[in-house]
C-alpha atoms as a PDB file:
ATOM      1  CA  MET A   1       0.051  22.499   9.041  1.00  0.00           C
ATOM      2  CA  ILE A   2      -1.423  18.748   8.583  1.00  0.00           C
ATOM      3  CA  ASP A   3       0.588  16.212  10.094  1.00  0.00           C
ATOM      4  CA  VAL A   4       1.408  13.868   6.867  1.00  0.00           C
ATOM      5  CA  HIS A   5       1.749  11.023   9.461  1.00  0.00           C
ATOM      6  CA  ARG A   6      -1.741  11.250  10.596  1.00  0.00           C
ATOM      7  CA  LEU A   7      -3.035  12.001   7.246  1.00  0.00           C
ATOM      8  CA  ARG A   8      -1.957   8.731   6.104  1.00  0.00           C
ATOM      9  CA  ILE A   9      -3.326   7.099   9.433  1.00  0.00           C
ATOM     10  CA  PHE A  10      -7.194   8.115   8.362  1.00  0.00           C
ATOM     11  CA  ARG A  11      -7.043   7.460   5.110  1.00  0.00           C
ATOM     12  CA  SER A  12      -6.506   4.046   5.984  1.00  0.00           C
ATOM     13  CA  VAL A  13      -9.205   4.309   8.221  1.00  0.00           C
ATOM     14  CA  VAL A  14     -11.133   4.992   5.950  1.00  0.00           C
ATOM     15  CA  ALA A  15     -10.183   2.513   3.112  1.00  0.00           C
ATOM     16  CA  ASN A  16     -10.553  -0.316   5.453  1.00  0.00           C
ATOM     17  CA  GLY A  17     -13.285   0.762   7.238  1.00  0.00           C
ATOM     18  CA  SER A  18     -12.122   0.138  10.876  1.00  0.00           C
ATOM     19  CA  ILE A  19     -10.031   1.560  12.927  1.00  0.00           C
ATOM     20  CA  SER A  20      -8.780  -1.750  14.037  1.00  0.00           C
ATOM     21  CA  ALA A  21      -7.637  -2.912  11.037  1.00  0.00           C
ATOM     22  CA  ALA A  22      -5.924   0.025   9.896  1.00  0.00           C
ATOM     23  CA  ALA A  23      -4.210  -1.031  13.455  1.00  0.00           C
ATOM     24  CA  ASP A  24      -3.468  -4.358  11.967  1.00  0.00           C
ATOM     25  CA  LEU A  25      -2.533  -3.247   8.646  1.00  0.00           C
ATOM     26  CA  LEU A  26      -0.130  -0.050   9.997  1.00  0.00           C
ATOM     27  CA  GLY A  27       1.576  -2.184  12.703  1.00  0.00           C
ATOM     28  CA  MET A  28       0.238  -0.162  15.477  1.00  0.00           C
ATOM     29  CA  THR A  29      -2.179  -0.507  18.295  1.00  0.00           C
ATOM     30  CA  GLY A  30      -5.930   0.115  17.699  1.00  0.00           C
ATOM     31  CA  SER A  31      -5.830   2.838  20.735  1.00  0.00           C
ATOM     32  CA  ALA A  32      -2.476   4.428  19.194  1.00  0.00           C
ATOM     33  CA  VAL A  33      -4.739   4.494  15.643  1.00  0.00           C
ATOM     34  CA  SER A  34      -7.472   6.192  18.063  1.00  0.00           C
ATOM     35  CA  GLN A  35      -5.257   8.469  19.456  1.00  0.00           C
ATOM     36  CA  HIS A  36      -4.340   9.787  15.900  1.00  0.00           C
ATOM     37  CA  MET A  37      -7.564  10.080  14.958  1.00  0.00           C
ATOM     38  CA  ALA A  38      -8.852  12.275  17.690  1.00  0.00           C
ATOM     39  CA  ALA A  39      -5.416  14.385  17.125  1.00  0.00           C
ATOM     40  CA  LEU A  40      -6.510  14.721  13.602  1.00  0.00           C
ATOM     41  CA  GLN A  41      -9.614  15.831  14.153  1.00  0.00           C
ATOM     42  CA  LYS A  42      -8.921  18.446  16.711  1.00  0.00           C
ATOM     43  CA  GLN A  43      -6.304  19.942  14.854  1.00  0.00           C
ATOM     44  CA  THR A  44      -8.130  20.325  11.325  1.00  0.00           C
ATOM     45  CA  GLY A  45     -11.361  21.426  13.481  1.00  0.00           C
ATOM     46  CA  LEU A  46     -13.768  18.755  11.895  1.00  0.00           C
ATOM     47  CA  ALA A  47     -15.440  15.516  12.840  1.00  0.00           C
ATOM     48  CA  LEU A  48     -14.086  13.001  10.016  1.00  0.00           C
ATOM     49  CA  LEU A  49     -15.515   9.773  11.553  1.00  0.00           C
ATOM     50  CA  GLU A  50     -18.505   8.389  12.724  1.00  0.00           C
ATOM     51  CA  ARG A  51     -19.615   5.058  14.094  1.00  0.00           C
ATOM     52  CA  VAL A  52     -21.266   2.749  11.858  1.00  0.00           C
ATOM     53  CA  GLY A  53     -22.199  -0.820  13.449  1.00  0.00           C
ATOM     54  CA  ARG A  54     -18.803  -2.089  15.002  1.00  0.00           C
ATOM     55  CA  GLY A  55     -16.683  -0.192  12.432  1.00  0.00           C
ATOM     56  CA  VAL A  56     -16.667   3.494  11.108  1.00  0.00           C
ATOM     57  CA  GLU A  57     -16.773   5.748   8.256  1.00  0.00           C
ATOM     58  CA  PRO A  58     -15.859   9.414   6.726  1.00  0.00           C
ATOM     59  CA  THR A  59     -18.268  12.301   7.722  1.00  0.00           C
ATOM     60  CA  ALA A  60     -18.914  13.832   4.406  1.00  0.00           C
ATOM     61  CA  ALA A  61     -15.831  16.279   5.318  1.00  0.00           C
ATOM     62  CA  GLY A  62     -13.988  13.331   5.801  1.00  0.00           C
ATOM     63  CA  ARG A  63     -14.493  11.747   2.405  1.00  0.00           C
ATOM     64  CA  THR A  64     -13.444  15.014   0.942  1.00  0.00           C
ATOM     65  CA  LEU A  65     -10.415  15.433   3.172  1.00  0.00           C
ATOM     66  CA  ALA A  66      -9.740  11.519   1.840  1.00  0.00           C
ATOM     67  CA  ALA A  67      -9.761  12.372  -1.300  1.00  0.00           C
ATOM     68  CA  GLU A  68      -8.321  15.697  -1.832  1.00  0.00           C
ATOM     69  CA  SER A  69      -5.429  14.260  -0.380  1.00  0.00           C
ATOM     70  CA  GLU A  70      -4.458  11.832  -2.787  1.00  0.00           C
ATOM     71  CA  PRO A  71      -2.581  14.330  -4.761  1.00  0.00           C
ATOM     72  CA  LEU A  72      -0.840  15.464  -1.453  1.00  0.00           C
ATOM     73  CA  MET A  73       0.391  11.676  -0.664  1.00  0.00           C
ATOM     74  CA  SER A  74       1.438  10.916  -4.412  1.00  0.00           C
ATOM     75  CA  GLU A  75       3.946  13.818  -4.126  1.00  0.00           C
ATOM     76  CA  VAL A  76       5.240  12.930  -0.195  1.00  0.00           C
ATOM     77  CA  LYS A  77       5.301   9.146  -1.749  1.00  0.00           C
ATOM     78  CA  ARG A  78       7.652  10.295  -4.428  1.00  0.00           C
ATOM     79  CA  LEU A  79       9.674  12.134  -1.817  1.00  0.00           C
ATOM     80  CA  GLU A  80      10.253   9.624   0.200  1.00  0.00           C
ATOM     81  CA  SER A  81      11.376   7.559  -2.442  1.00  0.00           C
ATOM     82  CA  VAL A  82      14.083  10.638  -3.684  1.00  0.00           C
ATOM     83  CA  ILE A  83      14.884  10.535   0.288  1.00  0.00           C
ATOM     84  CA  THR A  84      15.832   6.711   0.145  1.00  0.00           C
ATOM     85  CA  ASP A  85      18.438   7.148  -2.938  1.00  0.00           C
ATOM     86  CA  LEU A  86      20.104   9.739  -1.046  1.00  0.00           C
ATOM     87  CA  ARG A  87      19.832   8.275   1.899  1.00  0.00           C
ATOM     88  CA  GLU A  88      21.708   4.575   0.330  1.00  0.00           C
ATOM     89  CA  GLY A  89      24.220   6.605  -1.966  1.00  0.00           C
ATOM     90  CA  ASN A  90      21.855   5.718  -5.353  1.00  0.00           C
ATOM     91  CA  THR A  91      22.475   7.420  -8.236  1.00  0.00           C
ATOM     92  CA  GLY A  92      18.825   7.941  -9.442  1.00  0.00           C
ATOM     93  CA  SER A  93      15.437   6.188 -10.112  1.00  0.00           C
ATOM     94  CA  LEU A  94      12.964   7.174 -12.360  1.00  0.00           C
ATOM     95  CA  SER A  95       9.303   6.066 -13.051  1.00  0.00           C
ATOM     96  CA  ILE A  96       7.746   6.606 -16.024  1.00  0.00           C
ATOM     97  CA  GLY A  97       3.663   5.115 -16.428  1.00  0.00           C
ATOM     98  CA  TYR A  98       2.373   4.641 -19.923  1.00  0.00           C
ATOM     99  CA  PHE A  99      -0.198   3.006 -21.885  1.00  0.00           C
ATOM    100  CA  ALA A 100      -0.094   0.047 -23.968  1.00  0.00           C
ATOM    101  CA  SER A 101       1.231   1.141 -27.057  1.00  0.00           C
ATOM    102  CA  VAL A 102       3.096   3.430 -25.681  1.00  0.00           C
ATOM    103  CA  GLY A 103       4.580   0.910 -23.525  1.00  0.00           C
ATOM    104  CA  SER A 104       5.352  -1.409 -26.352  1.00  0.00           C
ATOM    105  CA  LEU A 105       6.564   1.086 -29.315  1.00  0.00           C
ATOM    106  CA  TRP A 106       8.106   3.803 -27.155  1.00  0.00           C
ATOM    107  CA  LEU A 107       9.527   2.618 -23.698  1.00  0.00           C
ATOM    108  CA  PRO A 108      11.745   0.206 -24.940  1.00  0.00           C
ATOM    109  CA  ARG A 109      13.913   2.747 -26.912  1.00  0.00           C
ATOM    110  CA  ILE A 110      13.763   5.163 -24.022  1.00  0.00           C
ATOM    111  CA  ALA A 111      15.351   2.376 -21.465  1.00  0.00           C
ATOM    112  CA  ARG A 112      17.957   1.266 -23.903  1.00  0.00           C
ATOM    113  CA  ARG A 113      18.963   5.014 -24.340  1.00  0.00           C
ATOM    114  CA  LEU A 114      18.899   6.248 -20.870  1.00  0.00           C
ATOM    115  CA  GLN A 115      20.641   3.073 -19.619  1.00  0.00           C
ATOM    116  CA  SER A 116      23.752   3.451 -21.646  1.00  0.00           C
ATOM    117  CA  GLU A 117      23.620   7.323 -20.567  1.00  0.00           C
ATOM    118  CA  MET A 118      23.177   6.827 -17.238  1.00  0.00           C
ATOM    119  CA  PRO A 119      24.215   2.790 -16.695  1.00  0.00           C
ATOM    120  CA  ASP A 120      23.246   3.169 -12.709  1.00  0.00           C
ATOM    121  CA  LEU A 121      20.310   4.837 -13.293  1.00  0.00           C
ATOM    122  CA  VAL A 122      17.056   2.673 -11.447  1.00  0.00           C
ATOM    123  CA  LEU A 123      14.539   2.588 -14.111  1.00  0.00           C
ATOM    124  CA  GLU A 124      10.617   1.610 -12.977  1.00  0.00           C
ATOM    125  CA  MET A 125       8.111   1.249 -16.265  1.00  0.00           C
ATOM    126  CA  ILE A 126       4.494   1.661 -14.563  1.00  0.00           C
ATOM    127  CA  LEU A 127       1.409   1.160 -16.776  1.00  0.00           C
ATOM    128  CA  THR A 128      -1.415   3.510 -15.420  1.00  0.00           C
ATOM    129  CA  GLU A 129      -4.204   2.615 -17.993  1.00  0.00           C
ATOM    130  CA  GLY A 130      -6.904   1.753 -17.175  1.00  0.00           C
ATOM    131  CA  TYR A 131      -7.239   3.524 -13.423  1.00  0.00           C
ATOM    132  CA  PRO A 132     -10.484   5.514 -12.197  1.00  0.00           C
ATOM    133  CA  THR A 133      -9.730   9.222 -12.506  1.00  0.00           C
ATOM    134  CA  GLY A 134      -6.888  10.166 -10.166  1.00  0.00           C
ATOM    135  CA  GLU A 135      -6.313   6.908  -8.468  1.00  0.00           C
ATOM    136  CA  SER A 136      -3.427   5.475 -11.020  1.00  0.00           C
ATOM    137  CA  PRO A 137       0.284   4.667  -9.179  1.00  0.00           C
ATOM    138  CA  PRO A 138       2.090   7.802  -8.644  1.00  0.00           C
ATOM    139  CA  VAL A 139       5.301   8.230 -11.378  1.00  0.00           C
ATOM    140  CA  ASP A 140       7.778  10.707 -12.071  1.00  0.00           C
ATOM    141  CA  ILE A 141       6.426  10.939 -15.662  1.00  0.00           C
ATOM    142  CA  ASP A 142       3.513  10.120 -16.982  1.00  0.00           C
ATOM    143  CA  VAL A 143       2.867   9.159 -20.601  1.00  0.00           C
ATOM    144  CA  VAL A 144      -1.125   9.966 -21.585  1.00  0.00           C
ATOM    145  CA  PRO A 145      -3.611  11.228 -24.020  1.00  0.00           C
ATOM    146  CA  ASP A 146      -4.415  14.557 -23.364  1.00  0.00           C
ATOM    147  CA  ASP A 147      -7.905  14.348 -21.673  1.00  0.00           C
ATOM    148  CA  PRO A 148      -8.483  17.144 -19.333  1.00  0.00           C
ATOM    149  CA  ARG A 149      -9.537  14.573 -16.195  1.00  0.00           C
ATOM    150  CA  GLU A 150      -6.441  13.432 -16.014  1.00  0.00           C
ATOM    151  CA  THR A 151      -3.586  16.055 -17.438  1.00  0.00           C
ATOM    152  CA  LEU A 152      -4.560  18.919 -14.990  1.00  0.00           C
ATOM    153  CA  ARG A 153      -2.533  17.880 -11.804  1.00  0.00           C
ATOM    154  CA  PRO A 154      -1.857  20.309  -9.654  1.00  0.00           C
ATOM    155  CA  GLY A 155       1.860  21.188 -10.036  1.00  0.00           C
ATOM    156  CA  TYR A 156       2.549  18.890 -13.102  1.00  0.00           C
ATOM    157  CA  SER A 157       4.291  20.493 -16.418  1.00  0.00           C
ATOM    158  CA  ILE A 158       3.142  19.323 -20.009  1.00  0.00           C
ATOM    159  CA  THR A 159       5.077  18.433 -22.434  1.00  0.00           C
ATOM    160  CA  PRO A 160       3.027  17.837 -25.681  1.00  0.00           C
ATOM    161  CA  LEU A 161       4.747  14.955 -27.539  1.00  0.00           C
ATOM    162  CA  THR A 162       2.293  14.233 -30.749  1.00  0.00           C
ATOM    163  CA  SER A 163      -0.659  13.807 -32.097  1.00  0.00           C
ATOM    164  CA  ASP A 164      -2.199  10.698 -33.171  1.00  0.00           C
ATOM    165  CA  PRO A 165      -4.938  10.042 -35.579  1.00  0.00           C
ATOM    166  CA  PHE A 166      -7.151   7.377 -35.338  1.00  0.00           C
ATOM    167  CA  VAL A 167      -7.550   4.637 -38.403  1.00  0.00           C
ATOM    168  CA  ALA A 168     -10.046   1.706 -38.867  1.00  0.00           C
ATOM    169  CA  LEU A 169      -9.639  -1.880 -38.801  1.00  0.00           C
ATOM    170  CA  LEU A 170     -10.914  -4.469 -41.182  1.00  0.00           C
ATOM    171  CA  PRO A 171     -11.340  -7.778 -42.195  1.00  0.00           C
ATOM    172  CA  GLN A 172      -9.145  -8.489 -45.125  1.00  0.00           C
ATOM    173  CA  ASP A 173     -12.669  -9.298 -47.344  1.00  0.00           C
ATOM    174  CA  HIS A 174     -14.227  -6.119 -46.132  1.00  0.00           C
ATOM    175  CA  ARG A 175     -15.896  -4.408 -48.794  1.00  0.00           C
ATOM    176  CA  LEU A 176     -13.487  -1.155 -47.768  1.00  0.00           C
ATOM    177  CA  ALA A 177     -10.665  -3.200 -47.429  1.00  0.00           C
ATOM    178  CA  ARG A 178      -9.015  -2.247 -50.836  1.00  0.00           C
ATOM    179  CA  ARG A 179      -9.708   1.352 -50.224  1.00  0.00           C
ATOM    180  CA  ARG A 180      -6.481   3.837 -48.910  1.00  0.00           C
ATOM    181  CA  SER A 181      -9.229   6.297 -46.486  1.00  0.00           C
ATOM    182  CA  VAL A 182     -12.350   5.945 -45.892  1.00  0.00           C
ATOM    183  CA  PRO A 183     -15.468   8.516 -44.804  1.00  0.00           C
ATOM    184  CA  MET A 184     -16.260   7.829 -41.325  1.00  0.00           C
ATOM    185  CA  ILE A 185     -20.002   7.828 -42.841  1.00  0.00           C
ATOM    186  CA  GLU A 186     -19.512   4.512 -44.831  1.00  0.00           C
ATOM    187  CA  LEU A 187     -18.622   2.706 -41.390  1.00  0.00           C
ATOM    188  CA  ALA A 188     -22.203   4.174 -39.967  1.00  0.00           C
ATOM    189  CA  GLU A 189     -23.918   0.739 -40.680  1.00  0.00           C
ATOM    190  CA  GLU A 190     -21.278  -1.590 -39.336  1.00  0.00           C
ATOM    191  CA  SER A 191     -20.834  -3.898 -36.449  1.00  0.00           C
ATOM    192  CA  TRP A 192     -18.180  -1.865 -33.725  1.00  0.00           C
ATOM    193  CA  ILE A 193     -15.825  -3.384 -31.512  1.00  0.00           C
ATOM    194  CA  SER A 194     -14.711  -0.985 -28.741  1.00  0.00           C
ATOM    195  CA  SER A 195     -11.261  -1.229 -27.927  1.00  0.00           C
ATOM    196  CA  ASP A 196     -11.142   1.575 -25.155  1.00  0.00           C
ATOM    197  CA  ILE A 197      -9.554   0.023 -21.663  1.00  0.00           C
ATOM    198  CA  SER A 198     -11.426   2.167 -19.390  1.00  0.00           C
ATOM    199  CA  ALA A 199     -14.298   3.693 -21.911  1.00  0.00           C
ATOM    200  CA  GLY A 200     -12.020   6.671 -21.613  1.00  0.00           C
ATOM    201  CA  VAL A 201     -10.756   9.380 -23.836  1.00  0.00           C
ATOM    202  CA  THR A 202     -10.238   6.872 -27.189  1.00  0.00           C
ATOM    203  CA  GLU A 203     -14.271   6.475 -27.111  1.00  0.00           C
ATOM    204  CA  SER A 204     -15.124   9.841 -26.401  1.00  0.00           C
ATOM    205  CA  LEU A 205     -13.150  11.474 -29.844  1.00  0.00           C
ATOM    206  CA  ILE A 206     -14.805   8.291 -31.363  1.00  0.00           C
ATOM    207  CA  ALA A 207     -18.102   8.634 -30.339  1.00  0.00           C
ATOM    208  CA  ARG A 208     -17.687  13.167 -31.503  1.00  0.00           C
ATOM    209  CA  ALA A 209     -16.285  12.282 -34.760  1.00  0.00           C
ATOM    210  CA  CYS A 210     -19.090   9.736 -35.758  1.00  0.00           C
ATOM    211  CA  ALA A 211     -21.492  11.942 -34.362  1.00  0.00           C
ATOM    212  CA  ALA A 212     -19.564  15.034 -36.431  1.00  0.00           C
ATOM    213  CA  ALA A 213     -20.411  12.769 -39.271  1.00  0.00           C
ATOM    214  CA  GLY A 214     -24.188  12.553 -38.432  1.00  0.00           C
ATOM    215  CA  PHE A 215     -24.233   8.835 -36.719  1.00  0.00           C
ATOM    216  CA  ARG A 216     -23.616   7.038 -33.668  1.00  0.00           C
ATOM    217  CA  PRO A 217     -22.052   3.689 -33.376  1.00  0.00           C
ATOM    218  CA  ARG A 218     -23.308   0.377 -32.970  1.00  0.00           C
ATOM    219  CA  TYR A 219     -20.639  -1.978 -30.524  1.00  0.00           C
ATOM    220  CA  THR A 220     -21.471  -5.424 -30.816  1.00  0.00           C
ATOM    221  CA  VAL A 221     -18.224  -6.250 -28.822  1.00  0.00           C
ATOM    222  CA  GLU A 222     -17.004  -4.211 -25.882  1.00  0.00           C
ATOM    223  CA  ALA A 223     -13.079  -6.572 -26.238  1.00  0.00           C
ATOM    224  CA  GLN A 224     -11.242  -3.201 -23.953  1.00  0.00           C
ATOM    225  CA  ASP A 225      -8.016  -3.495 -25.608  1.00  0.00           C
ATOM    226  CA  HIS A 226      -6.318  -2.782 -29.015  1.00  0.00           C
ATOM    227  CA  TYR A 227      -4.909  -6.676 -29.240  1.00  0.00           C
ATOM    228  CA  THR A 228      -8.549  -7.991 -28.546  1.00  0.00           C
ATOM    229  CA  ALA A 229     -10.456  -5.652 -30.519  1.00  0.00           C
ATOM    230  CA  ALA A 230      -7.985  -6.870 -33.488  1.00  0.00           C
ATOM    231  CA  ALA A 231      -8.440 -10.465 -33.554  1.00  0.00           C
ATOM    232  CA  PHE A 232     -12.127  -9.666 -33.057  1.00  0.00           C
ATOM    233  CA  VAL A 233     -12.058  -8.154 -36.409  1.00  0.00           C
ATOM    234  CA  ALA A 234      -9.514 -10.980 -37.940  1.00  0.00           C
ATOM    235  CA  ALA A 235     -12.429 -13.086 -36.985  1.00  0.00           C
ATOM    236  CA  GLY A 236     -14.544 -10.916 -39.255  1.00  0.00           C
ATOM    237  CA  VAL A 237     -17.459 -10.253 -36.308  1.00  0.00           C
ATOM    238  CA  GLY A 238     -17.265  -6.433 -37.178  1.00  0.00           C
ATOM    239  CA  ILE A 239     -14.474  -3.585 -37.368  1.00  0.00           C
ATOM    240  CA  ALA A 240     -12.759  -1.407 -35.054  1.00  0.00           C
ATOM    241  CA  VAL A 241     -11.663   2.356 -34.548  1.00  0.00           C
ATOM    242  CA  ILE A 242      -8.276   2.706 -33.053  1.00  0.00           C
ATOM    243  CA  PRO A 243      -5.347   4.958 -32.818  1.00  0.00           C
ATOM    244  CA  ASP A 244      -2.525   4.967 -35.544  1.00  0.00           C
ATOM    245  CA  LEU A 245       0.149   4.282 -32.519  1.00  0.00           C
ATOM    246  CA  ALA A 246      -1.854   1.114 -31.550  1.00  0.00           C
ATOM    247  CA  SER A 247      -2.266  -0.062 -35.205  1.00  0.00           C
ATOM    248  CA  ARG A 248       1.655  -0.123 -35.709  1.00  0.00           C
ATOM    249  CA  THR A 249       1.901  -3.472 -33.639  1.00  0.00           C
ATOM    250  CA  ARG A 250       1.905  -6.400 -34.816  1.00  0.00           C
ATOM    251  CA  LEU A 251      -1.757  -7.178 -36.130  1.00  0.00           C
ATOM    252  CA  PRO A 252      -3.404 -10.249 -37.122  1.00  0.00           C
ATOM    253  CA  THR A 253      -3.508 -12.021 -40.317  1.00  0.00           C
ATOM    254  CA  GLY A 254      -6.524 -11.178 -42.674  1.00  0.00           C
ATOM    255  CA  VAL A 255      -7.020  -7.481 -40.611  1.00  0.00           C
ATOM    256  CA  ARG A 256      -7.002  -4.348 -43.092  1.00  0.00           C
ATOM    257  CA  ARG A 257      -5.722  -1.020 -41.453  1.00  0.00           C
ATOM    258  CA  VAL A 258      -7.212   1.513 -43.573  1.00  0.00           C
ATOM    259  CA  ARG A 259      -7.438   5.584 -42.752  1.00  0.00           C
ATOM    260  CA  LEU A 260     -10.171   7.785 -42.001  1.00  0.00           C
ATOM    261  CA  THR A 261     -11.540  11.088 -43.356  1.00  0.00           C
ATOM    262  CA  ARG A 262     -14.360  13.682 -42.614  1.00  0.00           C
ATOM    263  CA  PRO A 263     -13.465  14.155 -39.610  1.00  0.00           C
ATOM    264  CA  VAL A 264     -10.229  12.548 -38.542  1.00  0.00           C
ATOM    265  CA  PRO A 265     -10.707  11.216 -34.620  1.00  0.00           C
ATOM    266  CA  THR A 266      -7.194  12.566 -33.405  1.00  0.00           C
ATOM    267  CA  ARG A 267      -5.717  12.119 -29.880  1.00  0.00           C
ATOM    268  CA  ASP A 268      -2.902  14.064 -28.400  1.00  0.00           C
ATOM    269  CA  ILE A 269      -0.369  12.840 -26.103  1.00  0.00           C
ATOM    270  CA  VAL A 270       1.629  14.465 -23.724  1.00  0.00           C
ATOM    271  CA  ALA A 271       3.830  13.617 -20.838  1.00  0.00           C
ATOM    272  CA  LEU A 272       3.250  14.771 -17.315  1.00  0.00           C
ATOM    273  CA  THR A 273       6.121  15.733 -15.116  1.00  0.00           C
ATOM    274  CA  ALA A 274       5.505  15.263 -11.369  1.00  0.00           C
ATOM    275  CA  PRO A 275       7.001  18.079  -9.401  1.00  0.00           C
ATOM    276  CA  VAL A 276       9.065  16.200  -7.432  1.00  0.00           C
ATOM    277  CA  ALA A 277      10.506  15.102 -10.679  1.00  0.00           C
ATOM    278  CA  ARG A 278      11.876  18.492 -12.150  1.00  0.00           C
ATOM    279  CA  ALA A 279      15.115  18.571 -10.700  1.00  0.00           C
ATOM    280  CA  ASN A 280      15.847  14.892 -11.728  1.00  0.00           C
ATOM    281  CA  PRO A 281      18.262  15.048 -14.967  1.00  0.00           C
ATOM    282  CA  ALA A 282      16.709  11.348 -16.108  1.00  0.00           C
ATOM    283  CA  ALA A 283      13.190  12.985 -15.905  1.00  0.00           C
ATOM    284  CA  ALA A 284      14.599  15.939 -18.179  1.00  0.00           C
ATOM    285  CA  ARG A 285      16.068  13.831 -20.427  1.00  0.00           C
ATOM    286  CA  ALA A 286      13.591  11.320 -20.390  1.00  0.00           C
ATOM    287  CA  VAL A 287      10.880  14.180 -21.597  1.00  0.00           C
ATOM    288  CA  GLU A 288      13.719  14.322 -24.375  1.00  0.00           C
ATOM    289  CA  LEU A 289      14.028  11.192 -25.632  1.00  0.00           C
ATOM    290  CA  LEU A 290      10.176  11.282 -25.737  1.00  0.00           C
ATOM    291  CA  ARG A 291       9.302  13.925 -27.796  1.00  0.00           C
ATOM    292  CA  GLU A 292      12.341  12.818 -30.316  1.00  0.00           C
ATOM    293  CA  ILE A 293      11.024   9.354 -30.490  1.00  0.00           C
ATOM    294  CA  ALA A 294       7.418  10.506 -30.694  1.00  0.00           C
ATOM    295  CA  THR A 295       8.267  12.626 -33.829  1.00  0.00           C
ATOM    296  CA  LYS A 296      10.118   9.479 -35.037  1.00  0.00           C
ATOM    297  CA  PRO A 297       6.992   6.932 -36.746  1.00  0.00           C
ATOM    298  CA  ALA A 298       7.332   4.019 -35.182  1.00  0.00           C
ATOM    299  CA  PRO A 299       7.538   0.834 -37.751  1.00  0.00           C
ATOM    300  CA  ARG A 300       3.996  -0.797 -38.891  1.00  0.00           C
ATOM    301  CA  GLY A 301       3.883  -4.369 -37.638  1.00  0.00           C
END
């Protein structure tokens, strides 16, 4: 069995590129860190580190071990939190990860319901959007767009919540602004504003829908988020295509929301429950509430 404490030290050495820097960060001596690294290499039978100048770098095997250990260390962190709650007599805690539109439209209602039912529950809401794959903060429940890079997490249970179609945001004086719906092909010649914080699943879904309609969107502004993109639309800079859920927050004056057709890009939203949270009654209740709220359209801003 791999010693988790040594694995944590190893990851710190890899992140800092130096045994002495890792020792300072962890409050240990350099010799103690070196001894733990020697023991870990003996335990695994692998050369994990090599000297480079005054520092160290992971070998190919070391890089693989550091990357593959990320899910384990996330679960260890969550387990330590559970143990702390039990030791200190806390009635429980729950962390929920979210992306921006879910955070503003769903989570306040979730928090209100949970705190009314479980007054002593400690809630932590964490924005997990925009992190590189596999590097978002560990949480008990993560509400995410369904994306094979993110939703296939070992040991996590997946709860489908809703399907979220995309809509077009147009300046109010745009030639299509008075239409109830617009086929994707009619946006082919427009200047587009990107709103995907990480060039991830949202942009991929839009690209596939445009390809199905026979064109490639011409982006002239990368706004990185839905709210900034809407402001560019209001200024007449271009058009944006965003999920309907995101469009239900208050839009700037001068922006029209129009349904898309032929095809309709759609993202599925799911809740991922970590293995360590499966026995947590608050987590089970939160998932129930998420499913309930997801089936009720949020009011438009």
